[in-house]
Protein backbone atom coordinates (compact mmCIF):
# COMPACT_ATOMS: atom_id res chain seq x y z
CA UNK A 1 0.00 0.00 0.00
CA UNK A 2 2.82 2.43 0.89
CA UNK A 3 4.58 1.93 -2.44
CA UNK A 4 1.33 2.22 -4.37
CA UNK A 5 0.43 5.49 -2.66
CA UNK A 6 3.95 6.85 -3.14
CA UNK A 7 3.81 5.92 -6.83
CA UNK A 8 0.38 7.55 -7.17
CA UNK A 9 1.64 10.82 -5.67
CA UNK A 10 4.65 10.77 -7.97
CA UNK A 11 2.41 10.11 -11.00
CA UNK A 12 0.30 13.11 -10.04
CA UNK A 13 3.45 15.23 -9.57
CA UNK A 14 1.98 16.62 -6.35
CA UNK A 15 4.42 15.26 -3.79
CA UNK A 16 5.78 18.50 -2.41
CA UNK A 17 9.31 18.58 -1.04
CA UNK A 18 10.89 15.46 0.43
CA UNK A 19 10.06 16.71 3.94
CA UNK A 20 6.42 17.36 2.98
CA UNK A 21 6.13 13.99 1.26
CA UNK A 22 7.63 12.18 4.24
CA UNK A 23 5.08 13.89 6.48
CA UNK A 24 2.21 12.88 4.13
CA UNK A 25 3.39 9.27 4.25
CA UNK A 26 4.07 9.25 7.99
CA UNK A 27 7.76 8.32 7.66
CA UNK A 28 11.07 10.07 8.22
CA UNK A 29 12.77 11.84 5.35
CA UNK A 30 15.60 9.27 5.38
CA UNK A 31 13.09 6.40 5.13
CA UNK A 32 11.37 8.17 2.24
CA UNK A 33 14.68 8.67 0.44
CA UNK A 34 15.51 4.98 0.95
CA UNK A 35 12.22 4.07 -0.76
CA UNK A 36 12.75 6.52 -3.61
CA UNK A 37 16.29 5.24 -4.15
CA UNK A 38 15.03 1.63 -4.18
CA UNK A 39 12.42 2.56 -6.77
CA UNK A 40 15.06 4.32 -8.86
CA UNK A 41 17.30 1.26 -8.51
CA UNK A 42 14.44 -0.86 -9.86
CA UNK A 43 14.29 1.30 -12.95
CA UNK A 44 11.68 3.85 -11.91
CA UNK A 45 12.32 7.05 -13.88
CA UNK A 46 11.90 9.41 -10.92
CA UNK A 47 13.17 12.98 -10.95
CA UNK A 48 12.61 16.04 -8.77
CA UNK A 49 11.54 19.45 -10.09
CA UNK A 50 12.76 22.31 -7.91
CA UNK A 51 10.35 24.75 -9.56
CA UNK A 52 7.22 22.61 -8.96
CA UNK A 53 8.69 21.24 -5.74
CA UNK A 54 7.58 17.74 -6.64
CA UNK A 55 8.89 14.33 -7.62
CA UNK A 56 7.61 13.07 -10.97
CA UNK A 57 8.12 10.29 -13.49
CA UNK A 58 10.20 11.47 -16.43
CA UNK A 59 8.11 9.33 -18.79
CA UNK A 60 5.08 7.07 -18.60
CA UNK A 61 5.85 3.70 -17.10
CA UNK A 62 4.15 0.75 -15.54
CA UNK A 63 4.97 -1.33 -12.51
CA UNK A 64 5.62 -0.85 -8.84
CA UNK A 65 8.59 -2.06 -6.82
CA UNK A 66 9.70 -4.99 -8.97
CA UNK A 67 10.42 -3.30 -12.27
CA UNK A 68 9.50 -0.40 -14.48
CA UNK A 69 9.45 -0.15 -18.23
CA UNK A 70 8.87 2.78 -20.52
CA UNK A 71 5.59 2.78 -22.40
CA UNK A 72 6.06 3.68 -26.02
CA UNK A 73 3.32 4.35 -28.50
CA UNK A 74 3.59 3.16 -32.10
CA UNK A 75 3.82 5.97 -34.62
CA UNK A 76 0.48 6.94 -36.09
CA UNK A 77 0.14 5.59 -39.58
């Protein structure tokens, strides 16, 4: 549930800063960063925008925890 909610917030690009996100999730900032780094290590294309003050996925993807893969769309014919 934690990972799914974290992923949902990242998809919406409404996480806030790492401190704000940790507070939303009820964990410490270091625990949050451990989770984000694990997701990144699993291939999650997560980045942070300092202007929007939010984590976001750099491209559409599918999967949680185990693996991520980029979703590509065939060129329109």
